[in-house]
Amino acid sequence: MFCFDHRKYNMRIYELELKTIKPRPPLTLAQARIQGLKNVVDRDKQQLHNERERQRQQREHEQKLL
């Protein structure tokens, strides 16, 4: 039988109420440029990984046909 222990969850909710979420200030032009370049690098790495995986699967498929 499932027993719900509400005390554990009340403590976590209480802890969340104590923490305040501070808004981030807007990025400066230089910071925004750097962040944009980092995003481009991450996106290109992911595209490269996906392309290599696609080619690997294509090679495996072609070998199965032979």
Protein backbone atom coordinates (compact mmCIF):
# COMPACT_ATOMS: atom_id res chain seq x y z
CA MET A 1 0.00 0.00 0.00
CA PHE A 2 1.28 3.46 -0.91
CA CYS A 3 1.79 5.82 2.03
CA PHE A 4 2.06 9.52 1.25
CA ASP A 5 4.35 11.37 3.65
CA HIS A 6 3.28 15.00 3.32
CA ARG A 7 5.84 16.30 5.84
CA LYS A 8 8.72 15.70 3.44
CA TYR A 9 7.05 17.75 0.70
CA ASN A 10 5.97 20.56 2.99
CA MET A 11 9.58 21.12 3.97
CA ARG A 12 10.64 21.34 0.35
CA ILE A 13 7.88 23.83 -0.45
CA TYR A 14 8.93 25.86 2.57
CA GLU A 15 12.53 25.86 1.37
CA LEU A 16 11.43 27.05 -2.05
CA GLU A 17 9.50 29.92 -0.55
CA LEU A 18 12.61 31.20 1.23
CA LYS A 19 14.70 31.43 -1.93
CA THR A 20 14.10 34.52 -4.01
CA ILE A 21 14.64 34.50 -7.75
CA LYS A 22 16.77 37.43 -8.76
CA PRO A 23 16.24 38.75 -12.28
CA ARG A 24 19.29 38.86 -14.49
CA PRO A 25 20.34 42.25 -15.79
CA PRO A 26 20.35 42.60 -19.59
CA LEU A 27 23.55 41.57 -21.35
CA THR A 28 25.89 44.20 -22.65
CA LEU A 29 26.61 44.23 -26.37
CA ALA A 30 29.95 42.47 -25.88
CA GLN A 31 28.40 39.83 -23.60
CA ALA A 32 25.57 39.24 -26.07
CA ARG A 33 28.06 38.82 -28.92
CA ILE A 34 30.08 36.25 -26.93
CA GLN A 35 26.92 34.39 -25.92
CA GLY A 36 25.79 34.31 -29.53
CA LEU A 37 29.13 32.89 -30.66
CA LYS A 38 28.97 30.22 -27.96
CA ASN A 39 25.48 29.28 -29.12
CA VAL A 40 26.70 28.99 -32.71
CA VAL A 41 29.57 26.73 -31.62
CA ASP A 42 27.22 24.49 -29.63
CA ARG A 43 24.76 24.28 -32.51
CA ASP A 44 27.52 23.46 -35.02
CA LYS A 45 28.93 20.74 -32.73
CA GLN A 46 25.49 19.17 -32.53
CA GLN A 47 25.03 19.34 -36.31
CA LEU A 48 28.45 17.71 -36.82
CA HIS A 49 27.55 14.94 -34.37
CA ASN A 50 24.22 14.35 -36.10
CA GLU A 51 25.83 14.23 -39.54
CA ARG A 52 28.49 11.74 -38.41
CA GLU A 53 25.80 9.57 -36.83
CA ARG A 54 23.71 9.72 -40.03
CA GLN A 55 26.70 8.68 -42.15
CA ARG A 56 27.58 5.87 -39.74
CA GLN A 57 24.04 4.51 -39.91
CA GLN A 58 24.07 4.79 -43.70
CA ARG A 59 27.35 2.79 -43.89
CA GLU A 60 25.90 0.11 -41.61
CA HIS A 61 22.77 -0.09 -43.73
CA GLU A 62 24.80 -0.39 -46.96
CA GLN A 63 26.97 -3.14 -45.46
CA LYS A 64 23.88 -5.12 -44.51
CA LEU A 65 22.68 -4.97 -48.12
CA LEU A 66 25.95 -6.40 -49.48
